């Protein structure tokens, strides 16, 4: 099963774009129906426009929510990494100071 991995964001974006296209098609049908006095086509166009708008709005909100969750998770991971790096720096500094007080120089194992 070696298929491409598709993220939720890309699926939501494609669905939102499709909804927008349906909404535009519905608007065109509505205009066509009004110009040519076809109530059925105008009503169908209105229904398509509203449906396209609802689908587009739903999937755009889902995409935005997914991006927000990924961003929050990335920020949390970065904060944890910074905290761990800071702790390593503190420990290295303490070991170096202890070694210098004891008359030895410590340069090995320096944090990068």
N, C-alpha and C. Protein backbone atom coordinates (compact mmCIF):
# COMPACT_ATOMS: atom_id res chain seq x y z
N UNK A 1 0.83 -1.17 0.00
CA UNK A 1 0.00 0.00 0.00
C UNK A 1 0.88 1.24 0.00
N UNK A 2 1.61 1.46 -1.04
CA UNK A 2 2.52 2.59 -1.12
C UNK A 2 1.92 3.77 -1.83
N UNK A 3 0.88 4.34 -1.28
CA UNK A 3 0.26 5.51 -1.88
C UNK A 3 0.79 6.78 -1.25
N UNK A 4 0.49 7.87 -1.88
CA UNK A 4 0.91 9.17 -1.36
C UNK A 4 0.07 9.53 -0.14
N UNK A 5 0.71 10.13 0.81
CA UNK A 5 0.02 10.58 2.01
C UNK A 5 -0.58 11.95 1.73
N UNK A 6 -1.87 12.07 1.93
CA UNK A 6 -2.55 13.34 1.68
C UNK A 6 -2.98 13.90 3.03
N UNK A 7 -2.60 15.14 3.28
CA UNK A 7 -2.93 15.73 4.58
C UNK A 7 -4.38 16.18 4.61
N UNK A 8 -4.88 16.34 5.83
CA UNK A 8 -6.25 16.83 6.00
C UNK A 8 -6.41 18.21 5.43
N UNK A 9 -5.36 19.02 5.52
CA UNK A 9 -5.43 20.39 5.01
C UNK A 9 -5.65 20.39 3.51
N UNK A 10 -4.93 19.54 2.77
CA UNK A 10 -5.08 19.54 1.32
C UNK A 10 -6.45 19.00 0.91
N UNK A 11 -6.96 18.00 1.63
CA UNK A 11 -8.29 17.49 1.32
C UNK A 11 -9.34 18.57 1.57
N UNK A 12 -9.22 19.26 2.70
CA UNK A 12 -10.16 20.33 3.01
C UNK A 12 -10.07 21.48 2.02
N UNK A 13 -8.86 21.79 1.58
CA UNK A 13 -8.67 22.87 0.61
C UNK A 13 -9.30 22.52 -0.72
N UNK A 14 -9.11 21.29 -1.17
CA UNK A 14 -9.71 20.86 -2.44
C UNK A 14 -11.23 20.87 -2.34
N UNK A 15 -11.77 20.38 -1.22
CA UNK A 15 -13.22 20.37 -1.04
C UNK A 15 -13.78 21.78 -1.00
N UNK A 16 -13.06 22.70 -0.35
CA UNK A 16 -13.51 24.10 -0.29
C UNK A 16 -13.47 24.73 -1.68
N UNK A 17 -12.44 24.43 -2.44
CA UNK A 17 -12.34 24.99 -3.80
C UNK A 17 -13.46 24.44 -4.68
N UNK A 18 -13.78 23.16 -4.52
CA UNK A 18 -14.88 22.57 -5.28
C UNK A 18 -16.19 23.23 -4.91
N UNK A 19 -16.40 23.46 -3.63
CA UNK A 19 -17.62 24.14 -3.18
C UNK A 19 -17.73 25.53 -3.77
N UNK A 20 -16.60 26.23 -3.84
CA UNK A 20 -16.59 27.57 -4.43
C UNK A 20 -16.95 27.52 -5.91
N UNK A 21 -16.43 26.52 -6.62
CA UNK A 21 -16.75 26.39 -8.05
C UNK A 21 -18.23 26.08 -8.26
N UNK A 22 -18.79 25.24 -7.40
CA UNK A 22 -20.22 24.93 -7.49
C UNK A 22 -21.03 26.19 -7.21
N UNK A 23 -20.58 26.98 -6.24
CA UNK A 23 -21.27 28.22 -5.91
C UNK A 23 -21.26 29.16 -7.12
N UNK A 24 -20.13 29.28 -7.80
CA UNK A 24 -20.04 30.13 -8.97
C UNK A 24 -20.93 29.60 -10.12
N UNK A 25 -20.94 28.29 -10.28
CA UNK A 25 -21.81 27.71 -11.31
C UNK A 25 -23.27 27.99 -10.99
N UNK A 26 -23.65 27.88 -9.73
CA UNK A 26 -25.01 28.17 -9.32
C UNK A 26 -25.38 29.62 -9.56
N UNK A 27 -24.44 30.51 -9.30
CA UNK A 27 -24.68 31.93 -9.55
C UNK A 27 -24.89 32.17 -11.04
N UNK A 28 -24.07 31.52 -11.86
CA UNK A 28 -24.24 31.65 -13.31
C UNK A 28 -25.58 31.12 -13.77
N UNK A 29 -25.99 29.97 -13.21
CA UNK A 29 -27.30 29.41 -13.58
C UNK A 29 -28.43 30.35 -13.16
N UNK A 30 -28.28 30.98 -12.01
CA UNK A 30 -29.30 31.91 -11.54
C UNK A 30 -29.42 33.08 -12.50
N UNK A 31 -28.29 33.64 -12.89
CA UNK A 31 -28.31 34.77 -13.84
C UNK A 31 -28.91 34.33 -15.17
N UNK A 32 -28.51 33.15 -15.65
CA UNK A 32 -29.06 32.62 -16.90
C UNK A 32 -30.58 32.45 -16.79
N UNK A 33 -31.02 31.89 -15.68
CA UNK A 33 -32.46 31.67 -15.48
C UNK A 33 -33.24 32.96 -15.42
N UNK A 34 -32.66 33.98 -14.81
CA UNK A 34 -33.35 35.28 -14.73
C UNK A 34 -33.41 35.93 -16.09
N UNK A 35 -32.32 35.89 -16.83
CA UNK A 35 -32.28 36.52 -18.16
C UNK A 35 -33.28 35.86 -19.10
N UNK A 36 -33.37 34.55 -19.06
CA UNK A 36 -34.23 33.83 -20.00
C UNK A 36 -35.57 33.44 -19.37
N UNK A 37 -35.92 34.05 -18.26
CA UNK A 37 -37.22 33.85 -17.59
C UNK A 37 -37.53 32.39 -17.32
N UNK A 38 -36.55 31.65 -16.91
CA UNK A 38 -36.75 30.26 -16.56
C UNK A 38 -36.68 30.15 -15.04
N UNK A 39 -37.82 30.05 -14.40
CA UNK A 39 -37.86 30.02 -12.94
C UNK A 39 -37.19 28.77 -12.38
N UNK A 40 -37.35 27.66 -13.07
CA UNK A 40 -36.74 26.42 -12.59
C UNK A 40 -35.22 26.54 -12.56
N UNK A 41 -34.63 27.06 -13.66
CA UNK A 41 -33.17 27.20 -13.73
C UNK A 41 -32.70 28.21 -12.70
N UNK A 42 -33.44 29.30 -12.52
CA UNK A 42 -33.06 30.31 -11.52
C UNK A 42 -33.11 29.71 -10.12
N UNK A 43 -34.17 28.96 -9.81
CA UNK A 43 -34.29 28.34 -8.49
C UNK A 43 -33.19 27.31 -8.27
N UNK A 44 -32.90 26.50 -9.30
CA UNK A 44 -31.82 25.52 -9.20
C UNK A 44 -30.48 26.22 -8.98
N UNK A 45 -30.27 27.34 -9.66
CA UNK A 45 -29.04 28.11 -9.50
C UNK A 45 -28.89 28.63 -8.08
N UNK A 46 -30.00 29.11 -7.51
CA UNK A 46 -29.95 29.61 -6.14
C UNK A 46 -29.61 28.48 -5.17
N UNK A 47 -30.24 27.33 -5.37
CA UNK A 47 -29.96 26.18 -4.50
C UNK A 47 -28.50 25.76 -4.62
N UNK A 48 -27.98 25.71 -5.85
CA UNK A 48 -26.56 25.35 -6.04
C UNK A 48 -25.64 26.37 -5.41
N UNK A 49 -25.98 27.63 -5.54
CA UNK A 49 -25.14 28.69 -4.94
C UNK A 49 -25.09 28.55 -3.43
N UNK A 50 -26.24 28.36 -2.83
CA UNK A 50 -26.28 28.22 -1.37
C UNK A 50 -25.55 26.95 -0.92
N UNK A 51 -25.80 25.85 -1.63
CA UNK A 51 -25.11 24.60 -1.29
C UNK A 51 -23.61 24.72 -1.45
N UNK A 52 -23.16 25.33 -2.53
CA UNK A 52 -21.72 25.53 -2.74
C UNK A 52 -21.11 26.40 -1.67
N UNK A 53 -21.84 27.45 -1.28
CA UNK A 53 -21.35 28.33 -0.22
C UNK A 53 -21.21 27.57 1.09
N UNK A 54 -22.20 26.76 1.44
CA UNK A 54 -22.15 26.01 2.70
C UNK A 54 -21.01 25.00 2.71
N UNK A 55 -20.84 24.28 1.60
CA UNK A 55 -19.75 23.30 1.51
C UNK A 55 -18.40 24.00 1.61
N UNK A 56 -18.25 25.08 0.87
CA UNK A 56 -17.00 25.83 0.88
C UNK A 56 -16.69 26.36 2.28
N UNK A 57 -17.67 26.94 2.92
CA UNK A 57 -17.46 27.49 4.27
C UNK A 57 -17.07 26.40 5.26
N UNK A 58 -17.76 25.26 5.19
CA UNK A 58 -17.48 24.16 6.11
C UNK A 58 -16.04 23.67 5.98
N UNK A 59 -15.61 23.41 4.75
CA UNK A 59 -14.27 22.86 4.55
C UNK A 59 -13.18 23.90 4.78
N UNK A 60 -13.46 25.16 4.55
CA UNK A 60 -12.47 26.21 4.87
C UNK A 60 -12.28 26.31 6.38
N UNK A 61 -13.37 26.20 7.13
CA UNK A 61 -13.25 26.22 8.59
C UNK A 61 -12.46 25.01 9.08
N UNK A 62 -12.73 23.84 8.50
CA UNK A 62 -11.99 22.63 8.90
C UNK A 62 -10.50 22.77 8.60
N UNK A 63 -10.18 23.33 7.41
CA UNK A 63 -8.77 23.52 7.05
C UNK A 63 -8.10 24.49 8.01
N UNK A 64 -8.79 25.56 8.36
CA UNK A 64 -8.22 26.54 9.28
C UNK A 64 -8.01 25.92 10.66
N UNK A 65 -8.96 25.11 11.10
CA UNK A 65 -8.84 24.45 12.41
C UNK A 65 -7.65 23.48 12.41
N UNK A 66 -7.48 22.73 11.34
CA UNK A 66 -6.38 21.78 11.24
C UNK A 66 -5.04 22.51 11.26
N UNK A 67 -4.94 23.61 10.51
CA UNK A 67 -3.70 24.39 10.49
C UNK A 67 -3.42 24.95 11.88
N UNK A 68 -4.45 25.43 12.57
CA UNK A 68 -4.27 25.97 13.91
C UNK A 68 -3.77 24.88 14.88
N UNK A 69 -4.34 23.68 14.79
CA UNK A 69 -3.91 22.59 15.66
C UNK A 69 -2.46 22.21 15.39
N UNK A 70 -2.09 22.14 14.11
CA UNK A 70 -0.71 21.80 13.76
C UNK A 70 0.25 22.87 14.26
N UNK A 71 -0.16 24.12 14.13
CA UNK A 71 0.69 25.23 14.59
C UNK A 71 0.87 25.18 16.11
N UNK A 72 -0.21 24.93 16.83
CA UNK A 72 -0.14 24.84 18.29
C UNK A 72 0.77 23.69 18.71
N UNK A 73 0.65 22.55 18.04
CA UNK A 73 1.49 21.39 18.35
C UNK A 73 2.96 21.71 18.06
N UNK A 74 3.24 22.37 16.94
CA UNK A 74 4.61 22.72 16.59
C UNK A 74 5.20 23.70 17.62
N UNK A 75 4.41 24.68 18.06
CA UNK A 75 4.88 25.62 19.07
C UNK A 75 5.16 24.91 20.40
N UNK A 76 4.31 23.95 20.77
CA UNK A 76 4.52 23.20 22.00
C UNK A 76 5.82 22.40 21.93
N UNK A 77 6.03 21.72 20.78
CA UNK A 77 7.27 20.94 20.60
C UNK A 77 8.50 21.85 20.65
N UNK A 78 8.41 23.00 19.99
CA UNK A 78 9.55 23.94 20.00
C UNK A 78 9.86 24.41 21.42
N UNK A 79 8.81 24.70 22.20
CA UNK A 79 9.02 25.13 23.58
C UNK A 79 9.68 24.03 24.41
N UNK A 80 9.25 22.79 24.21
CA UNK A 80 9.87 21.67 24.92
C UNK A 80 11.33 21.50 24.52
N UNK A 81 11.62 21.66 23.22
CA UNK A 81 13.00 21.55 22.75
C UNK A 81 13.87 22.65 23.35
N UNK A 82 13.34 23.88 23.40
CA UNK A 82 14.09 24.98 23.99
C UNK A 82 14.35 24.74 25.48
N UNK A 83 13.35 24.23 26.18
CA UNK A 83 13.51 23.95 27.61
C UNK A 83 14.57 22.88 27.83
N UNK A 84 14.54 21.82 27.01
CA UNK A 84 15.53 20.75 27.15
C UNK A 84 16.94 21.28 26.83
N UNK A 85 17.05 22.10 25.79
CA UNK A 85 18.34 22.68 25.43
C UNK A 85 18.85 23.60 26.54
N UNK A 86 17.96 24.38 27.11
CA UNK A 86 18.33 25.27 28.20
C UNK A 86 18.82 24.47 29.41
N UNK A 87 18.13 23.38 29.72
CA UNK A 87 18.53 22.53 30.85
C UNK A 87 19.91 21.92 30.60
N UNK A 88 20.17 21.48 29.36
CA UNK A 88 21.49 20.93 29.03
C UNK A 88 22.57 22.01 29.19
N UNK A 89 22.27 23.23 28.75
CA UNK A 89 23.23 24.33 28.89
C UNK A 89 23.53 24.61 30.35
N UNK A 90 22.50 24.60 31.19
CA UNK A 90 22.68 24.84 32.62
C UNK A 90 23.54 23.75 33.24
N UNK A 91 23.26 22.51 32.89
CA UNK A 91 24.04 21.39 33.43
C UNK A 91 25.49 21.44 32.96
N UNK A 92 25.70 21.78 31.69
CA UNK A 92 27.06 21.89 31.17
C UNK A 92 27.81 23.01 31.90
N UNK A 93 27.14 24.14 32.08
CA UNK A 93 27.77 25.27 32.76
C UNK A 93 28.15 24.89 34.20
N UNK A 94 27.24 24.21 34.88
CA UNK A 94 27.52 23.80 36.26
C UNK A 94 28.71 22.84 36.30
N UNK A 95 28.77 21.89 35.38
CA UNK A 95 29.89 20.93 35.35
C UNK A 95 31.20 21.64 35.02
N UNK A 96 31.15 22.58 34.09
CA UNK A 96 32.36 23.33 33.71
C UNK A 96 32.85 24.18 34.89
N UNK A 97 31.92 24.83 35.57
CA UNK A 97 32.32 25.65 36.72
C UNK A 97 32.92 24.78 37.83
N UNK A 98 32.31 23.61 38.05
CA UNK A 98 32.85 22.70 39.07
C UNK A 98 34.24 22.24 38.68
N UNK A 99 34.46 21.95 37.40
CA UNK A 99 35.77 21.51 36.95
C UNK A 99 36.79 22.63 37.05
N UNK A 100 36.37 23.85 36.71
CA UNK A 100 37.30 24.97 36.81
C UNK A 100 37.68 25.26 38.26
N UNK A 101 36.73 25.09 39.15
CA UNK A 101 37.03 25.29 40.57
C UNK A 101 38.01 24.22 41.07
N UNK A 102 37.93 23.05 40.45
CA UNK A 102 38.83 21.96 40.83
C UNK A 102 40.16 22.03 40.11
N UNK A 103 40.37 23.02 39.24
CA UNK A 103 41.65 23.19 38.55
C UNK A 103 41.74 22.48 37.22
N UNK A 104 40.64 21.92 36.73
CA UNK A 104 40.66 21.24 35.44
C UNK A 104 39.83 22.05 34.44
N UNK A 105 40.24 22.04 33.20
CA UNK A 105 39.46 22.70 32.14
C UNK A 105 38.57 21.64 31.49
N UNK A 106 37.36 22.02 31.24
CA UNK A 106 36.41 21.08 30.62
C UNK A 106 35.92 21.70 29.32
N UNK A 107 36.27 21.10 28.19
CA UNK A 107 35.76 21.58 26.91
C UNK A 107 35.02 20.48 26.15
N UNK A 108 35.14 19.26 26.64
CA UNK A 108 34.46 18.17 25.96
C UNK A 108 32.99 18.16 26.35
N UNK A 109 32.16 17.77 25.41
CA UNK A 109 30.73 17.65 25.67
C UNK A 109 30.01 18.99 25.70
N UNK A 110 30.64 20.00 25.09
CA UNK A 110 30.00 21.33 25.07
C UNK A 110 28.74 21.27 24.21
N UNK A 111 27.69 21.96 24.66
CA UNK A 111 26.49 21.99 23.83
C UNK A 111 26.74 22.76 22.55
N UNK A 112 26.04 22.38 21.53
CA UNK A 112 26.26 23.00 20.22
C UNK A 112 25.46 24.25 20.06
